[in-house]
């Protein structure tokens, strides 16, 4: 195995950080590494809001479900899918703007994810820890108003960055045999593999630092998918100009 593979497979979410700041030159390198990610059709449809104002951080922590590490991390970045900037290019060249198509929404959102993951890998290679904050979609209107996001832009997730002040266990993933299919989608043998995996996850939650709920993966995702999940998002996206034609 090489160091890059070792790094990728040692990923953990970090929720406690030291007070050590991230050097400006390192942060710039991380952001440039993010820009180097693949981008569909060269859209470059991602914008990052670096939130430094303490009061804004406090509000974002509340909006995200009272996640205190949004305030305590050395850096907090909000990643936005951005069709405002390419829309400006349409206006510059007197072309009709058709950026409300579902495909444009998808490619901008994928651009955000690719950029963020590049930054995450670069950050972890420099000894930093990270935690994605999907909770900002709990209150996307309040987040957008706070960050003054225009039409054509929506906040996809936040990202905490900082030097770790904890060393959590690595959470086990599904068996590769379950997620890798040959030629066509099939489920033969998946149930047996997942049953074994469920016990691994149950044990992980029992043993992890600070304790845990002790439920298995199947139970966890069943609960997730049987409940309403941010039903406000569809209306919010439409209000931001993402009408999904």
Protein backbone atom coordinates (compact mmCIF):
# COMPACT_ATOMS: atom_id res chain seq x y z
CA UNK A 1 0.00 0.00 0.00
CA UNK A 2 1.19 3.55 -0.68
CA UNK A 3 0.88 6.62 1.60
CA UNK A 4 -2.02 8.10 -0.37
CA UNK A 5 -4.07 4.91 0.00
CA UNK A 6 -3.15 4.72 3.69
CA UNK A 7 -4.34 8.30 4.14
CA UNK A 8 -7.63 7.77 2.32
CA UNK A 9 -8.47 4.65 4.31
CA UNK A 10 -7.68 6.27 7.67
CA UNK A 11 -10.32 9.00 7.35
CA UNK A 12 -12.30 9.92 10.46
CA UNK A 13 -14.61 12.84 11.21
CA UNK A 14 -13.03 15.14 13.80
CA UNK A 15 -15.29 17.09 16.15
CA UNK A 16 -12.76 18.38 18.71
CA UNK A 17 -9.99 20.73 17.67
CA UNK A 18 -7.01 22.42 19.29
CA UNK A 19 -6.72 26.20 19.29
CA UNK A 20 -3.86 26.10 16.78
CA UNK A 21 -4.68 28.21 13.71
CA UNK A 22 -4.10 27.06 10.15
CA UNK A 23 -1.31 29.01 8.49
CA UNK A 24 -2.65 31.24 5.69
CA UNK A 25 -0.27 29.77 3.14
CA UNK A 26 -1.41 26.22 4.00
CA UNK A 27 -5.07 27.20 3.73
CA UNK A 28 -4.40 28.71 0.31
CA UNK A 29 -2.69 25.52 -0.83
CA UNK A 30 -5.68 23.48 0.33
CA UNK A 31 -8.10 25.71 -1.58
CA UNK A 32 -5.99 25.55 -4.72
CA UNK A 33 -5.95 21.76 -4.39
CA UNK A 34 -9.74 21.96 -4.29
CA UNK A 35 -9.78 24.02 -7.47
CA UNK A 36 -7.72 21.33 -9.19
CA UNK A 37 -10.59 18.84 -8.89
CA UNK A 38 -12.47 17.68 -11.97
CA UNK A 39 -15.31 19.99 -13.05
CA UNK A 40 -18.06 18.98 -15.46
CA UNK A 41 -17.94 20.89 -18.77
CA UNK A 42 -15.42 23.26 -17.12
CA UNK A 43 -18.35 24.91 -15.32
CA UNK A 44 -16.40 25.42 -12.08
CA UNK A 45 -19.76 25.70 -10.38
CA UNK A 46 -18.59 25.86 -6.77
CA UNK A 47 -18.08 28.86 -4.49
CA UNK A 48 -16.67 28.70 -0.97
CA UNK A 49 -17.63 31.14 1.79
CA UNK A 50 -14.92 31.31 4.44
CA UNK A 51 -16.73 32.33 7.62
CA UNK A 52 -14.50 34.19 10.06
CA UNK A 53 -16.96 36.44 11.91
CA UNK A 54 -17.51 34.91 15.38
CA UNK A 55 -21.17 35.90 15.51
CA UNK A 56 -21.80 34.37 12.08
CA UNK A 57 -20.07 31.20 13.24
CA UNK A 58 -22.27 31.12 16.32
CA UNK A 59 -25.42 31.48 14.23
CA UNK A 60 -24.30 28.83 11.76
CA UNK A 61 -23.61 26.42 14.62
CA UNK A 62 -27.19 26.95 15.81
CA UNK A 63 -28.67 26.68 12.30
CA UNK A 64 -26.78 23.41 11.82
CA UNK A 65 -28.37 21.82 14.88
CA UNK A 66 -26.25 23.29 17.69
CA UNK A 67 -23.02 21.70 16.46
CA UNK A 68 -20.47 23.50 18.62
CA UNK A 69 -17.47 22.51 16.52
CA UNK A 70 -18.70 24.88 13.79
CA UNK A 71 -17.57 27.60 16.23
CA UNK A 72 -14.44 25.95 17.60
CA UNK A 73 -12.75 24.69 14.43
CA UNK A 74 -9.86 26.80 13.16
CA UNK A 75 -11.70 27.34 9.87
CA UNK A 76 -15.29 26.91 8.75
CA UNK A 77 -16.08 26.86 5.05
CA UNK A 78 -19.50 26.81 3.44
CA UNK A 79 -19.54 25.13 0.03
CA UNK A 80 -22.11 26.47 -2.40
CA UNK A 81 -23.33 25.28 -5.77
CA UNK A 82 -23.09 28.40 -7.92
CA UNK A 83 -24.93 29.08 -11.18
CA UNK A 84 -24.89 32.85 -10.63
CA UNK A 85 -21.34 33.20 -11.99
CA UNK A 86 -21.94 31.24 -15.22
CA UNK A 87 -25.27 33.09 -15.49
CA UNK A 88 -23.31 36.34 -15.56
CA UNK A 89 -21.34 34.92 -18.51
CA UNK A 90 -24.62 34.27 -20.35
CA UNK A 91 -25.62 37.88 -19.87
CA UNK A 92 -22.18 39.07 -20.96
CA UNK A 93 -22.53 37.26 -24.29
CA UNK A 94 -26.25 37.93 -24.76
CA UNK A 95 -27.16 34.27 -24.47
CA UNK A 96 -30.34 33.01 -22.80
CA UNK A 97 -29.75 31.61 -19.33
CA UNK A 98 -31.15 28.08 -19.01
CA UNK A 99 -29.40 27.29 -15.73
CA UNK A 100 -32.59 26.14 -14.05
CA UNK A 101 -32.42 22.73 -15.72
CA UNK A 102 -32.00 19.74 -13.41
CA UNK A 103 -28.78 18.80 -15.22
CA UNK A 104 -27.18 22.13 -14.36
CA UNK A 105 -28.18 21.69 -10.72
CA UNK A 106 -26.57 18.25 -10.72
CA UNK A 107 -23.28 19.29 -12.28
CA UNK A 108 -22.90 22.30 -9.96
CA UNK A 109 -23.62 20.12 -6.91
CA UNK A 110 -21.18 17.46 -8.10
CA UNK A 111 -18.55 20.16 -8.67
CA UNK A 112 -18.97 21.19 -5.03
CA UNK A 113 -18.53 17.64 -3.76
CA UNK A 114 -15.42 17.00 -5.87
CA UNK A 115 -13.80 20.27 -4.82
CA UNK A 116 -14.54 19.68 -1.16
CA UNK A 117 -13.18 16.15 -1.18
CA UNK A 118 -9.94 17.34 -2.78
CA UNK A 119 -9.61 19.87 0.04
CA UNK A 120 -10.34 17.19 2.63
CA UNK A 121 -7.66 14.83 1.32
CA UNK A 122 -5.15 17.67 1.09
CA UNK A 123 -6.02 18.80 4.62
CA UNK A 124 -5.65 15.34 6.12
CA UNK A 125 -2.31 14.92 4.35
CA UNK A 126 -1.14 18.02 6.26
CA UNK A 127 -2.23 16.63 9.64
CA UNK A 128 -5.54 18.45 9.82
CA UNK A 129 -8.90 16.98 10.74
CA UNK A 130 -12.23 17.70 9.08
CA UNK A 131 -15.94 17.32 9.62
CA UNK A 132 -18.58 17.81 6.95
CA UNK A 133 -21.64 19.73 8.19
CA UNK A 134 -24.72 18.80 6.21
CA UNK A 135 -26.75 20.32 9.03
CA UNK A 136 -26.61 23.76 7.42
CA UNK A 137 -29.43 22.45 5.19
CA UNK A 138 -31.61 22.31 8.31
CA UNK A 139 -32.12 26.06 7.87
CA UNK A 140 -30.99 26.88 4.33
CA UNK A 141 -32.91 30.16 4.10
CA UNK A 142 -31.34 31.53 7.27
CA UNK A 143 -27.90 30.37 6.13
CA UNK A 144 -28.38 31.95 2.70
CA UNK A 145 -29.56 35.23 4.18
CA UNK A 146 -26.63 35.32 6.60
CA UNK A 147 -24.12 34.68 3.82
CA UNK A 148 -26.00 36.92 1.34
CA UNK A 149 -26.27 34.20 -1.28
CA UNK A 150 -27.90 35.44 -4.50
CA UNK A 151 -30.33 33.62 -6.77
CA UNK A 152 -28.66 30.69 -8.49
CA UNK A 153 -26.57 29.80 -5.42
CA UNK A 154 -27.38 27.38 -2.60
CA UNK A 155 -25.38 26.09 0.40
CA UNK A 156 -24.63 22.39 -0.02
CA UNK A 157 -22.70 21.73 3.20
CA UNK A 158 -20.19 23.21 5.57
CA UNK A 159 -16.71 21.97 6.43
CA UNK A 160 -14.82 22.26 9.71
CA UNK A 161 -11.04 22.32 9.43
CA UNK A 162 -8.52 22.27 12.26
CA UNK A 163 -5.85 20.37 14.14
CA UNK A 164 -7.40 17.32 15.85
CA UNK A 165 -7.82 17.19 19.62
CA UNK A 166 -9.16 13.63 19.54
CA UNK A 167 -8.29 10.31 17.96
CA UNK A 168 -11.56 8.52 17.14
CA UNK A 169 -11.82 5.02 15.73
CA UNK A 170 -12.29 4.44 12.01
CA UNK A 171 -15.93 3.64 11.23
CA UNK A 172 -16.27 0.39 9.23
CA UNK A 173 -17.71 0.62 5.71
CA UNK A 174 -19.92 -1.79 3.80
CA UNK A 175 -18.11 -4.81 2.31
CA UNK A 176 -16.71 -4.05 -1.11
CA UNK A 177 -18.56 -7.09 -2.48
CA UNK A 178 -21.86 -5.37 -1.63
CA UNK A 179 -21.19 -2.06 -3.37
CA UNK A 180 -19.25 -3.37 -6.40
CA UNK A 181 -21.41 -5.02 -9.06
CA UNK A 182 -20.22 -6.81 -12.20
CA UNK A 183 -21.87 -5.74 -15.47
CA UNK A 184 -25.39 -5.48 -14.00
CA UNK A 185 -27.00 -4.64 -10.68
CA UNK A 186 -27.49 -7.77 -8.60
CA UNK A 187 -28.10 -8.51 -4.93
CA UNK A 188 -27.11 -12.16 -4.65
CA UNK A 189 -25.27 -12.72 -1.38
CA UNK A 190 -25.74 -9.11 -0.25
CA UNK A 191 -28.09 -9.91 2.63
CA UNK A 192 -25.61 -12.33 4.21
CA UNK A 193 -22.72 -9.88 3.82
CA UNK A 194 -24.76 -7.03 5.28
CA UNK A 195 -25.83 -9.17 8.24
CA UNK A 196 -22.15 -9.70 9.15
CA UNK A 197 -21.44 -6.02 8.58
CA UNK A 198 -24.36 -5.01 10.81
CA UNK A 199 -22.73 -6.82 13.72
CA UNK A 200 -19.42 -5.07 13.03
CA UNK A 201 -21.14 -1.70 13.11
CA UNK A 202 -23.08 -2.59 16.24
CA UNK A 203 -19.82 -3.49 17.96
CA UNK A 204 -18.15 -0.32 16.68
CA UNK A 205 -20.86 1.80 18.28
CA UNK A 206 -20.63 -0.17 21.52
CA UNK A 207 -16.88 0.22 21.76
CA UNK A 208 -16.17 3.65 20.31
CA UNK A 209 -14.78 6.41 22.48
CA UNK A 210 -17.51 8.12 24.49
CA UNK A 211 -19.96 5.27 23.98
CA UNK A 212 -22.67 4.97 21.37
CA UNK A 213 -26.18 3.84 20.64
CA UNK A 214 -25.24 0.26 19.72
CA UNK A 215 -27.53 -0.04 16.71
CA UNK A 216 -26.52 -1.61 13.41
CA UNK A 217 -26.17 -0.02 9.98
CA UNK A 218 -29.42 -1.47 8.60
CA UNK A 219 -31.41 -0.16 11.54
CA UNK A 220 -29.75 3.24 11.29
CA UNK A 221 -30.50 3.73 7.58
CA UNK A 222 -34.00 2.30 7.96
CA UNK A 223 -34.72 5.01 10.52
CA UNK A 224 -33.16 7.63 8.26
CA UNK A 225 -35.20 6.73 5.18
CA UNK A 226 -38.49 6.17 7.01
CA UNK A 227 -38.62 9.75 8.29
CA UNK A 228 -39.05 13.06 6.52
CA UNK A 229 -35.71 14.50 5.47
CA UNK A 230 -35.61 18.28 5.20
CA UNK A 231 -38.86 18.56 3.23
CA UNK A 232 -38.29 22.32 3.01
CA UNK A 233 -35.38 21.86 0.57
CA UNK A 234 -37.48 21.56 -2.59
CA UNK A 235 -39.27 24.86 -2.01
CA UNK A 236 -36.05 26.56 -0.93
CA UNK A 237 -34.20 25.43 -4.06
CA UNK A 238 -37.05 26.69 -6.24
CA UNK A 239 -36.88 30.05 -4.48
CA UNK A 240 -33.14 30.18 -5.23
CA UNK A 241 -33.81 29.59 -8.92
CA UNK A 242 -33.24 25.83 -9.07
CA UNK A 243 -36.62 24.91 -10.57
CA UNK A 244 -35.42 21.58 -12.00
CA UNK A 245 -36.85 21.80 -15.50
